[in-house]
Amino acid sequence: MPVFGNWGDTLDCLQTLAGQTSQDFQLFLADDGSPESPPDAILDYPFVTYLRKPHGGFASTCNAAVDVAADTGCTHLLLLNNDTFFGPGFIETWLAKANAFPQAIMGPLIFYFDHPTVVWYSGGPRSVAVPFFRLRRQFTVQTAVDILTGCVLLVPVQAWNRINGFDERYVTYYEDFDFLLRARDAGVPAYLVVEPELRVLHKVSRSALHRGRWNRDYRMIASRLLFIRRRYSGVERVVCLCASIPHLALVALTNLPDLPNPRLLWNAIRTGLASNAGGEPVRASCDA
């Protein structure tokens, strides 16, 4: 569970985990250099191992925590955002899914916390729409997919190591999509699972939005452009890069009356277009 501040939602999620029907799990709470110290209450939960690293973003924080978790001998990883809510059979059902499909990556249907009947993200096929629009199909049966979100993601440790984790060039956003597409290329199956016990309610970007909507969007713009350059080619790449212009205009319109800082916006665009998009995933050597 990567965290950057937002300790209130984190404590709510820990309380939900404490009420699970199965306690056969260990939680690695990975602090991405939060500006505020964690509350003492997190240490009241016996299943929590607290890790802290310098601020480096979602991808590097997950990679560092997974390295520590894998060293304990676990067979599966469950990446879980701290602003999520789920029922008491959540962990027990994930354990059953891991036993039934031990080599597969899996993710559940995720709904808005404030609108629990509306799908926030489902996952689905790769297409030129993926960099711009959320996949929100309400699947009714377990389905093979190309794309899932890192908000809630079950990954076999063996597959994580084989694919070399998240690519830290993304810093935050799109590292999960890139990871799933690399998994597909490596022959690792991915499924959207639909068990009611795995249904997740998401409070959506609580940690990012409290620092400002444009602060989040700068990072998303840079990562989106890198993702397009890394995962698309030929006509698809041209279509996606061209579509980035009206999409940016739509983002600006949605954020009104807040306007972007021109220098920060240009830096985000330049970063996304200038980053090396080739080769193997980049991993930093971090001590958690």
C-alpha atoms as a PDB file:
ATOM      1  CA  MET A   1       0.000   0.000   0.000  1.00  0.00           C
ATOM      2  CA  PRO A   2       1.813   3.147  -1.185  1.00  0.00           C
ATOM      3  CA  VAL A   3       0.992   6.309   0.763  1.00  0.00           C
ATOM      4  CA  PHE A   4       1.847   9.978   0.496  1.00  0.00           C
ATOM      5  CA  GLY A   5       0.170  11.778   3.365  1.00  0.00           C
ATOM      6  CA  ASN A   6      -3.609  11.317   3.468  1.00  0.00           C
ATOM      7  CA  TRP A   7      -3.340   9.409   6.731  1.00  0.00           C
ATOM      8  CA  GLY A   8      -7.068   9.639   7.458  1.00  0.00           C
ATOM      9  CA  ASP A   9      -7.999   7.480   4.472  1.00  0.00           C
ATOM     10  CA  THR A  10      -5.085   5.170   5.245  1.00  0.00           C
ATOM     11  CA  LEU A  11      -6.364   4.564   8.769  1.00  0.00           C
ATOM     12  CA  ASP A  12      -9.868   3.912   7.404  1.00  0.00           C
ATOM     13  CA  CYS A  13      -8.421   1.305   5.023  1.00  0.00           C
ATOM     14  CA  LEU A  14      -6.392  -0.320   7.822  1.00  0.00           C
ATOM     15  CA  GLN A  15      -9.563  -0.570   9.901  1.00  0.00           C
ATOM     16  CA  THR A  16     -11.294  -2.290   6.973  1.00  0.00           C
ATOM     17  CA  LEU A  17      -8.396  -4.740   6.682  1.00  0.00           C
ATOM     18  CA  ALA A  18      -8.558  -5.406  10.426  1.00  0.00           C
ATOM     19  CA  GLY A  19     -12.159  -6.582   9.978  1.00  0.00           C
ATOM     20  CA  GLN A  20     -11.391  -9.169   7.279  1.00  0.00           C
ATOM     21  CA  THR A  21     -12.614 -12.745   7.654  1.00  0.00           C
ATOM     22  CA  SER A  22      -9.062 -13.896   6.869  1.00  0.00           C
ATOM     23  CA  GLN A  23      -6.017 -12.348   8.488  1.00  0.00           C
ATOM     24  CA  ASP A  24      -3.637 -14.467   6.398  1.00  0.00           C
ATOM     25  CA  PHE A  25      -1.780 -11.477   4.964  1.00  0.00           C
ATOM     26  CA  GLN A  26       0.918  -8.961   5.791  1.00  0.00           C
ATOM     27  CA  LEU A  27       0.600  -5.316   4.805  1.00  0.00           C
ATOM     28  CA  PHE A  28       3.685  -3.390   3.709  1.00  0.00           C
ATOM     29  CA  LEU A  29       2.734   0.260   4.180  1.00  0.00           C
ATOM     30  CA  ALA A  30       5.123   2.100   1.863  1.00  0.00           C
ATOM     31  CA  ASP A  31       5.511   5.789   2.742  1.00  0.00           C
ATOM     32  CA  ASP A  32       6.679   7.793  -0.281  1.00  0.00           C
ATOM     33  CA  GLY A  33       8.389  10.466   1.842  1.00  0.00           C
ATOM     34  CA  SER A  34       5.175  12.000   3.202  1.00  0.00           C
ATOM     35  CA  PRO A  35       5.564  15.562   4.484  1.00  0.00           C
ATOM     36  CA  GLU A  36       3.659  14.583   7.649  1.00  0.00           C
ATOM     37  CA  SER A  37       4.788  11.881  10.057  1.00  0.00           C
ATOM     38  CA  PRO A  38       2.508   8.841  10.203  1.00  0.00           C
ATOM     39  CA  PRO A  39       0.111   8.662  13.158  1.00  0.00           C
ATOM     40  CA  ASP A  40       1.083   6.302  15.940  1.00  0.00           C
ATOM     41  CA  ALA A  41      -2.166   4.421  15.385  1.00  0.00           C
ATOM     42  CA  ILE A  42      -0.812   2.640  12.312  1.00  0.00           C
ATOM     43  CA  LEU A  43       1.473   0.631  14.586  1.00  0.00           C
ATOM     44  CA  ASP A  44      -1.560  -0.661  16.484  1.00  0.00           C
ATOM     45  CA  TYR A  45      -2.267  -3.065  13.641  1.00  0.00           C
ATOM     46  CA  PRO A  46      -0.190  -6.250  13.975  1.00  0.00           C
ATOM     47  CA  PHE A  47      -0.313  -6.950  10.233  1.00  0.00           C
ATOM     48  CA  VAL A  48       1.400  -3.644   9.297  1.00  0.00           C
ATOM     49  CA  THR A  49       5.075  -3.323   8.382  1.00  0.00           C
ATOM     50  CA  TYR A  50       5.883   0.361   7.922  1.00  0.00           C
ATOM     51  CA  LEU A  51       8.488   1.325   5.303  1.00  0.00           C
ATOM     52  CA  ARG A  52       9.656   4.812   4.413  1.00  0.00           C
ATOM     53  CA  LYS A  53      11.716   5.982   1.442  1.00  0.00           C
ATOM     54  CA  PRO A  54      12.582   9.379  -0.050  1.00  0.00           C
ATOM     55  CA  HIS A  55       9.822  10.839  -2.201  1.00  0.00           C
ATOM     56  CA  GLY A  56      10.079   9.319  -5.665  1.00  0.00           C
ATOM     57  CA  GLY A  57       6.545   8.660  -6.862  1.00  0.00           C
ATOM     58  CA  PHE A  58       4.129   5.763  -7.051  1.00  0.00           C
ATOM     59  CA  ALA A  59       6.221   3.482  -9.274  1.00  0.00           C
ATOM     60  CA  SER A  60       9.439   3.589  -7.268  1.00  0.00           C
ATOM     61  CA  THR A  61       7.566   3.290  -3.959  1.00  0.00           C
ATOM     62  CA  CYS A  62       5.729   0.165  -5.134  1.00  0.00           C
ATOM     63  CA  ASN A  63       8.948  -1.340  -6.497  1.00  0.00           C
ATOM     64  CA  ALA A  64      10.819  -0.761  -3.248  1.00  0.00           C
ATOM     65  CA  ALA A  65       8.014  -2.224  -1.120  1.00  0.00           C
ATOM     66  CA  VAL A  66       7.598  -5.247  -3.401  1.00  0.00           C
ATOM     67  CA  ASP A  67      11.319  -5.981  -3.096  1.00  0.00           C
ATOM     68  CA  VAL A  68      10.925  -6.116   0.690  1.00  0.00           C
ATOM     69  CA  ALA A  69       7.718  -8.175   0.500  1.00  0.00           C
ATOM     70  CA  ALA A  70       9.220 -10.663  -1.953  1.00  0.00           C
ATOM     71  CA  ASP A  71      12.154 -11.237   0.386  1.00  0.00           C
ATOM     72  CA  THR A  72       9.699 -12.575   2.985  1.00  0.00           C
ATOM     73  CA  GLY A  73       8.837 -15.472   0.682  1.00  0.00           C
ATOM     74  CA  CYS A  74       5.325 -14.442  -0.335  1.00  0.00           C
ATOM     75  CA  THR A  75       3.964 -15.887  -3.588  1.00  0.00           C
ATOM     76  CA  HIS A  76       1.496 -13.114  -4.492  1.00  0.00           C
ATOM     77  CA  LEU A  77       1.324  -9.346  -4.189  1.00  0.00           C
ATOM     78  CA  LEU A  78      -1.827  -7.294  -3.824  1.00  0.00           C
ATOM     79  CA  LEU A  79      -1.238  -3.657  -4.733  1.00  0.00           C
ATOM     80  CA  LEU A  80      -3.866  -1.597  -2.932  1.00  0.00           C
ATOM     81  CA  ASN A  81      -4.514   2.142  -2.857  1.00  0.00           C
ATOM     82  CA  ASN A  82      -5.012   3.628   0.586  1.00  0.00           C
ATOM     83  CA  ASP A  83      -8.258   5.389  -0.431  1.00  0.00           C
ATOM     84  CA  THR A  84     -10.225   2.203  -1.095  1.00  0.00           C
ATOM     85  CA  PHE A  85     -13.056   0.415   0.736  1.00  0.00           C
ATOM     86  CA  PHE A  86     -14.248  -3.185   0.420  1.00  0.00           C
ATOM     87  CA  GLY A  87     -16.187  -5.868   2.248  1.00  0.00           C
ATOM     88  CA  PRO A  88     -15.012  -8.300   4.967  1.00  0.00           C
ATOM     89  CA  GLY A  89     -14.492 -11.196   2.537  1.00  0.00           C
ATOM     90  CA  PHE A  90     -12.066  -9.261   0.334  1.00  0.00           C
ATOM     91  CA  ILE A  91      -8.802 -10.920   1.430  1.00  0.00           C
ATOM     92  CA  GLU A  92     -10.313 -14.389   1.761  1.00  0.00           C
ATOM     93  CA  THR A  93     -11.665 -14.202  -1.795  1.00  0.00           C
ATOM     94  CA  TRP A  94      -8.346 -12.946  -3.188  1.00  0.00           C
ATOM     95  CA  LEU A  95      -6.586 -15.902  -1.567  1.00  0.00           C
ATOM     96  CA  ALA A  96      -9.044 -18.248  -3.269  1.00  0.00           C
ATOM     97  CA  LYS A  97      -8.486 -16.523  -6.639  1.00  0.00           C
ATOM     98  CA  ALA A  98      -4.713 -16.784  -6.241  1.00  0.00           C
ATOM     99  CA  ASN A  99      -5.066 -20.521  -5.602  1.00  0.00           C
ATOM    100  CA  ALA A 100      -7.374 -20.989  -8.585  1.00  0.00           C
ATOM    101  CA  PHE A 101      -5.275 -18.923 -11.042  1.00  0.00           C
ATOM    102  CA  PRO A 102      -1.759 -18.924  -9.565  1.00  0.00           C
ATOM    103  CA  GLN A 103       0.001 -17.612 -12.682  1.00  0.00           C
ATOM    104  CA  ALA A 104      -2.435 -14.795 -13.548  1.00  0.00           C
ATOM    105  CA  ILE A 105      -2.589 -11.069 -12.875  1.00  0.00           C
ATOM    106  CA  MET A 106      -6.073 -10.053 -11.721  1.00  0.00           C
ATOM    107  CA  GLY A 107      -8.022  -6.910 -10.925  1.00  0.00           C
ATOM    108  CA  PRO A 108     -11.618  -6.274  -9.762  1.00  0.00           C
ATOM    109  CA  LEU A 109     -14.395  -3.920 -10.760  1.00  0.00           C
ATOM    110  CA  ILE A 110     -13.814  -0.590  -9.001  1.00  0.00           C
ATOM    111  CA  PHE A 111     -16.661   1.816  -8.262  1.00  0.00           C
ATOM    112  CA  TYR A 112     -16.801   5.411  -7.066  1.00  0.00           C
ATOM    113  CA  PHE A 113     -16.982   5.640  -3.276  1.00  0.00           C
ATOM    114  CA  ASP A 114     -19.478   8.525  -3.513  1.00  0.00           C
ATOM    115  CA  HIS A 115     -21.483   6.810  -6.299  1.00  0.00           C
ATOM    116  CA  PRO A 116     -21.208   3.086  -5.511  1.00  0.00           C
ATOM    117  CA  THR A 117     -23.276   1.942  -8.502  1.00  0.00           C
ATOM    118  CA  VAL A 118     -21.060   3.756 -11.041  1.00  0.00           C
ATOM    119  CA  VAL A 119     -17.930   1.997 -12.326  1.00  0.00           C
ATOM    120  CA  TRP A 120     -14.775   4.082 -11.887  1.00  0.00           C
ATOM    121  CA  TYR A 121     -12.546   1.569 -13.680  1.00  0.00           C
ATOM    122  CA  SER A 122     -12.876  -1.923 -15.036  1.00  0.00           C
ATOM    123  CA  GLY A 123      -9.975  -2.579 -17.367  1.00  0.00           C
ATOM    124  CA  GLY A 124     -10.370  -3.960 -20.863  1.00  0.00           C
ATOM    125  CA  PRO A 125      -8.716  -4.221 -24.274  1.00  0.00           C
ATOM    126  CA  ARG A 126      -5.785  -2.166 -25.513  1.00  0.00           C
ATOM    127  CA  SER A 127      -6.861   0.559 -27.957  1.00  0.00           C
ATOM    128  CA  VAL A 128      -5.978   4.133 -28.917  1.00  0.00           C
ATOM    129  CA  ALA A 129      -8.595   5.259 -26.370  1.00  0.00           C
ATOM    130  CA  VAL A 130      -6.655   3.818 -23.397  1.00  0.00           C
ATOM    131  CA  PRO A 131      -4.354   6.854 -22.893  1.00  0.00           C
ATOM    132  CA  PHE A 132      -7.333   9.226 -22.699  1.00  0.00           C
ATOM    133  CA  PHE A 133     -10.460   7.567 -21.325  1.00  0.00           C
ATOM    134  CA  ARG A 134     -11.224   5.270 -18.418  1.00  0.00           C
ATOM    135  CA  LEU A 135     -12.446   1.797 -19.317  1.00  0.00           C
ATOM    136  CA  ARG A 136     -15.776   1.458 -17.490  1.00  0.00           C
ATOM    137  CA  ARG A 137     -17.523  -1.674 -18.697  1.00  0.00           C
ATOM    138  CA  GLN A 138     -19.511  -3.476 -16.004  1.00  0.00           C
ATOM    139  CA  PHE A 139     -18.339  -7.023 -16.694  1.00  0.00           C
ATOM    140  CA  THR A 140     -20.551  -9.848 -15.408  1.00  0.00           C
ATOM    141  CA  VAL A 141     -18.127 -12.750 -15.934  1.00  0.00           C
ATOM    142  CA  GLN A 142     -14.384 -13.159 -15.479  1.00  0.00           C
ATOM    143  CA  THR A 143     -12.785 -11.836 -18.654  1.00  0.00           C
ATOM    144  CA  ALA A 144      -9.292 -11.814 -20.141  1.00  0.00           C
ATOM    145  CA  VAL A 145      -8.125  -8.206 -20.574  1.00  0.00           C
ATOM    146  CA  ASP A 146      -5.063  -6.269 -21.718  1.00  0.00           C
ATOM    147  CA  ILE A 147      -5.322  -3.378 -19.244  1.00  0.00           C
ATOM    148  CA  LEU A 148      -5.987  -3.206 -15.491  1.00  0.00           C
ATOM    149  CA  THR A 149      -5.323  -0.477 -12.954  1.00  0.00           C
ATOM    150  CA  GLY A 150      -2.724  -0.511 -10.184  1.00  0.00           C
ATOM    151  CA  CYS A 151      -5.338   0.816  -7.756  1.00  0.00           C
ATOM    152  CA  VAL A 152      -6.131  -2.821  -6.858  1.00  0.00           C
ATOM    153  CA  LEU A 153      -3.998  -5.418  -8.584  1.00  0.00           C
ATOM    154  CA  LEU A 154      -3.084  -9.011  -7.692  1.00  0.00           C
ATOM    155  CA  VAL A 155       0.267 -10.083  -9.182  1.00  0.00           C
ATOM    156  CA  PRO A 156       2.224 -13.330  -8.718  1.00  0.00           C
ATOM    157  CA  VAL A 157       5.700 -12.499  -7.393  1.00  0.00           C
ATOM    158  CA  GLN A 158       7.206 -14.687 -10.105  1.00  0.00           C
ATOM    159  CA  ALA A 159       5.460 -12.613 -12.805  1.00  0.00           C
ATOM    160  CA  TRP A 160       6.427  -9.317 -11.139  1.00  0.00           C
ATOM    161  CA  ASN A 161      10.099 -10.304 -11.123  1.00  0.00           C
ATOM    162  CA  ARG A 162       9.947 -11.663 -14.659  1.00  0.00           C
ATOM    163  CA  ILE A 163       8.468  -8.391 -15.978  1.00  0.00           C
ATOM    164  CA  ASN A 164      10.777  -6.322 -13.743  1.00  0.00           C
ATOM    165  CA  GLY A 165       8.097  -4.381 -11.898  1.00  0.00           C
ATOM    166  CA  PHE A 166       6.962  -0.867 -12.690  1.00  0.00           C
ATOM    167  CA  ASP A 167       8.958   1.316 -15.059  1.00  0.00           C
ATOM    168  CA  GLU A 168      10.045   4.269 -12.908  1.00  0.00           C
ATOM    169  CA  ARG A 169      10.273   6.636 -15.857  1.00  0.00           C
ATOM    170  CA  TYR A 170       6.530   7.102 -15.369  1.00  0.00           C
ATOM    171  CA  VAL A 171       6.955   8.335 -11.749  1.00  0.00           C
ATOM    172  CA  THR A 172       3.160   8.427 -11.269  1.00  0.00           C
ATOM    173  CA  TYR A 173       0.357   7.316 -13.653  1.00  0.00           C
ATOM    174  CA  TYR A 174       0.449   4.896 -16.612  1.00  0.00           C
ATOM    175  CA  GLU A 175       3.077   2.667 -14.983  1.00  0.00           C
ATOM    176  CA  ASP A 176       0.303   0.106 -14.396  1.00  0.00           C
ATOM    177  CA  PHE A 177      -0.882   0.135 -18.029  1.00  0.00           C
ATOM    178  CA  ASP A 178       2.690  -0.250 -19.245  1.00  0.00           C
ATOM    179  CA  PHE A 179       3.231  -3.118 -16.797  1.00  0.00           C
ATOM    180  CA  LEU A 180       0.109  -4.962 -17.996  1.00  0.00           C
ATOM    181  CA  LEU A 181       1.084  -4.613 -21.643  1.00  0.00           C
ATOM    182  CA  ARG A 182       4.582  -5.916 -20.900  1.00  0.00           C
ATOM    183  CA  ALA A 183       2.959  -8.813 -19.041  1.00  0.00           C
ATOM    184  CA  ARG A 184       0.787  -9.548 -22.081  1.00  0.00           C
ATOM    185  CA  ASP A 185       3.858  -9.492 -24.316  1.00  0.00           C
ATOM    186  CA  ALA A 186       5.539 -11.953 -21.929  1.00  0.00           C
ATOM    187  CA  GLY A 187       2.570 -14.341 -22.071  1.00  0.00           C
ATOM    188  CA  VAL A 188       1.263 -13.646 -18.550  1.00  0.00           C
ATOM    189  CA  PRO A 189      -2.570 -13.760 -18.515  1.00  0.00           C
ATOM    190  CA  ALA A 190      -4.596 -10.939 -16.961  1.00  0.00           C
ATOM    191  CA  TYR A 191      -8.226 -11.144 -15.886  1.00  0.00           C
ATOM    192  CA  LEU A 192     -10.946  -8.783 -14.740  1.00  0.00           C
ATOM    193  CA  VAL A 193     -12.668 -10.667 -11.898  1.00  0.00           C
ATOM    194  CA  VAL A 194     -16.262 -10.083 -10.841  1.00  0.00           C
ATOM    195  CA  GLU A 195     -16.844 -11.775  -7.474  1.00  0.00           C
ATOM    196  CA  PRO A 196     -19.042  -9.491  -5.303  1.00  0.00           C
ATOM    197  CA  GLU A 197     -16.589  -9.883  -2.408  1.00  0.00           C
ATOM    198  CA  LEU A 198     -13.862  -8.255  -4.552  1.00  0.00           C
ATOM    199  CA  ARG A 199     -15.952  -5.182  -5.346  1.00  0.00           C
ATOM    200  CA  VAL A 200     -13.986  -2.043  -4.417  1.00  0.00           C
ATOM    201  CA  LEU A 201     -15.137   1.507  -3.708  1.00  0.00           C
ATOM    202  CA  HIS A 202     -12.523   4.139  -4.552  1.00  0.00           C
ATOM    203  CA  LYS A 203     -12.344   7.649  -3.132  1.00  0.00           C
ATOM    204  CA  VAL A 204     -10.308   8.646  -6.232  1.00  0.00           C
ATOM    205  CA  SER A 205      -7.002  10.544  -6.055  1.00  0.00           C
ATOM    206  CA  ARG A 206      -7.415  11.840  -2.502  1.00  0.00           C
ATOM    207  CA  SER A 207      -3.629  11.963  -2.016  1.00  0.00           C
ATOM    208  CA  ALA A 208      -3.005  13.720  -5.333  1.00  0.00           C
ATOM    209  CA  LEU A 209      -5.923  16.143  -5.446  1.00  0.00           C
ATOM    210  CA  HIS A 210      -5.287  17.752  -2.070  1.00  0.00           C
ATOM    211  CA  ARG A 211      -2.161  19.289  -3.663  1.00  0.00           C
ATOM    212  CA  GLY A 212      -4.187  20.700  -6.555  1.00  0.00           C
ATOM    213  CA  ARG A 213      -5.781  19.322  -9.688  1.00  0.00           C
ATOM    214  CA  TRP A 214      -3.139  20.754 -12.034  1.00  0.00           C
ATOM    215  CA  ASN A 215      -0.354  19.305  -9.896  1.00  0.00           C
ATOM    216  CA  ARG A 216      -1.789  15.872 -10.670  1.00  0.00           C
ATOM    217  CA  ASP A 217      -2.403  16.694 -14.328  1.00  0.00           C
ATOM    218  CA  TYR A 218       1.190  17.815 -14.974  1.00  0.00           C
ATOM    219  CA  ARG A 219       2.416  14.354 -13.979  1.00  0.00           C
ATOM    220  CA  MET A 220      -0.369  12.672 -15.904  1.00  0.00           C
ATOM    221  CA  ILE A 221       0.461  14.633 -19.075  1.00  0.00           C
ATOM    222  CA  ALA A 222       4.138  13.678 -18.907  1.00  0.00           C
ATOM    223  CA  SER A 223       3.361  10.011 -18.251  1.00  0.00           C
ATOM    224  CA  ARG A 224       0.670   9.882 -20.940  1.00  0.00           C
ATOM    225  CA  LEU A 225       3.061  11.141 -23.616  1.00  0.00           C
ATOM    226  CA  LEU A 226       5.743   8.673 -22.520  1.00  0.00           C
ATOM    227  CA  PHE A 227       3.191   5.830 -22.535  1.00  0.00           C
ATOM    228  CA  ILE A 228       2.072   6.701 -26.069  1.00  0.00           C
ATOM    229  CA  ARG A 229       5.644   6.843 -27.317  1.00  0.00           C
ATOM    230  CA  ARG A 230       6.583   3.596 -25.555  1.00  0.00           C
ATOM    231  CA  ARG A 231       3.524   1.450 -26.276  1.00  0.00           C
ATOM    232  CA  TYR A 232       2.239   2.676 -29.653  1.00  0.00           C
ATOM    233  CA  SER A 233       3.852   2.851 -33.069  1.00  0.00           C
ATOM    234  CA  GLY A 234       3.059   3.843 -36.638  1.00  0.00           C
ATOM    235  CA  VAL A 235      -0.397   5.244 -37.332  1.00  0.00           C
ATOM    236  CA  GLU A 236      -1.588   4.496 -33.787  1.00  0.00           C
ATOM    237  CA  ARG A 237       1.185   6.646 -32.325  1.00  0.00           C
ATOM    238  CA  VAL A 238       0.397   9.531 -34.681  1.00  0.00           C
ATOM    239  CA  VAL A 239      -3.317   9.296 -33.823  1.00  0.00           C
ATOM    240  CA  CYS A 240      -2.598   9.283 -30.075  1.00  0.00           C
ATOM    241  CA  LEU A 241      -0.135  12.187 -30.212  1.00  0.00           C
ATOM    242  CA  CYS A 242      -2.556  14.246 -32.299  1.00  0.00           C
ATOM    243  CA  ALA A 243      -5.421  13.390 -29.925  1.00  0.00           C
ATOM    244  CA  SER A 244      -3.310  14.653 -27.011  1.00  0.00           C
ATOM    245  CA  ILE A 245      -3.864  18.248 -28.153  1.00  0.00           C
ATOM    246  CA  PRO A 246      -7.685  18.366 -27.951  1.00  0.00           C
ATOM    247  CA  HIS A 247      -7.523  16.177 -24.851  1.00  0.00           C
ATOM    248  CA  LEU A 248      -5.301  18.768 -23.144  1.00  0.00           C
ATOM    249  CA  ALA A 249      -7.809  21.468 -24.129  1.00  0.00           C
ATOM    250  CA  LEU A 250     -10.584  19.376 -22.556  1.00  0.00           C
ATOM    251  CA  VAL A 251      -8.547  18.969 -19.351  1.00  0.00           C
ATOM    252  CA  ALA A 252      -8.001  22.736 -19.195  1.00  0.00           C
ATOM    253  CA  LEU A 253     -11.725  23.362 -19.687  1.00  0.00           C
ATOM    254  CA  THR A 254     -12.605  20.836 -16.973  1.00  0.00           C
ATOM    255  CA  ASN A 255     -10.176  22.484 -14.529  1.00  0.00           C
ATOM    256  CA  LEU A 256     -11.603  25.988 -14.938  1.00  0.00           C
ATOM    257  CA  PRO A 257     -11.407  28.429 -13.233  1.00  0.00           C
ATOM    258  CA  ASP A 258      -7.969  27.061 -12.280  1.00  0.00           C
ATOM    259  CA  LEU A 259      -5.401  27.757 -14.985  1.00  0.00           C
ATOM    260  CA  PRO A 260      -2.130  25.877 -15.493  1.00  0.00           C
ATOM    261  CA  ASN A 261       1.246  27.384 -14.777  1.00  0.00           C
ATOM    262  CA  PRO A 262       2.675  27.792 -18.318  1.00  0.00           C
ATOM    263  CA  ARG A 263       6.210  26.841 -17.236  1.00  0.00           C
ATOM    264  CA  LEU A 264       5.076  23.706 -15.387  1.00  0.00           C
ATOM    265  CA  LEU A 265       2.780  22.709 -18.230  1.00  0.00           C
ATOM    266  CA  TRP A 266       5.572  23.077 -20.776  1.00  0.00           C
ATOM    267  CA  ASN A 267       7.944  21.121 -18.531  1.00  0.00           C
ATOM    268  CA  ALA A 268       5.405  18.274 -18.346  1.00  0.00           C
ATOM    269  CA  ILE A 269       4.997  18.188 -22.134  1.00  0.00           C
ATOM    270  CA  ARG A 270       8.735  18.398 -22.701  1.00  0.00           C
ATOM    271  CA  THR A 271       9.395  15.620 -20.192  1.00  0.00           C
ATOM    272  CA  GLY A 272       6.873  13.331 -21.858  1.00  0.00           C
ATOM    273  CA  LEU A 273       8.290  13.985 -25.321  1.00  0.00           C
ATOM    274  CA  ALA A 274      11.969  14.002 -24.398  1.00  0.00           C
ATOM    275  CA  SER A 275      12.143  10.958 -22.097  1.00  0.00           C
ATOM    276  CA  ASN A 276      13.892   7.909 -23.491  1.00  0.00           C
ATOM    277  CA  ALA A 277      10.996   5.624 -24.417  1.00  0.00           C
ATOM    278  CA  GLY A 278      12.980   2.568 -25.492  1.00  0.00           C
ATOM    279  CA  GLY A 279      14.669  -0.349 -23.811  1.00  0.00           C
ATOM    280  CA  GLU A 280      13.892  -2.265 -20.647  1.00  0.00           C
ATOM    281  CA  PRO A 281      11.978  -0.788 -17.682  1.00  0.00           C
ATOM    282  CA  VAL A 282      14.009   1.560 -15.493  1.00  0.00           C
ATOM    283  CA  ARG A 283      14.404   0.548 -11.882  1.00  0.00           C
ATOM    284  CA  ALA A 284      16.222   2.624  -9.266  1.00  0.00           C
ATOM    285  CA  SER A 285      18.107   0.917  -6.469  1.00  0.00           C
ATOM    286  CA  CYS A 286      16.215   2.057  -3.370  1.00  0.00           C
ATOM    287  CA  ASP A 287      16.573   1.026   0.240  1.00  0.00           C
ATOM    288  CA  ALA A 288      13.190   0.924   1.957  1.00  0.00           C
END
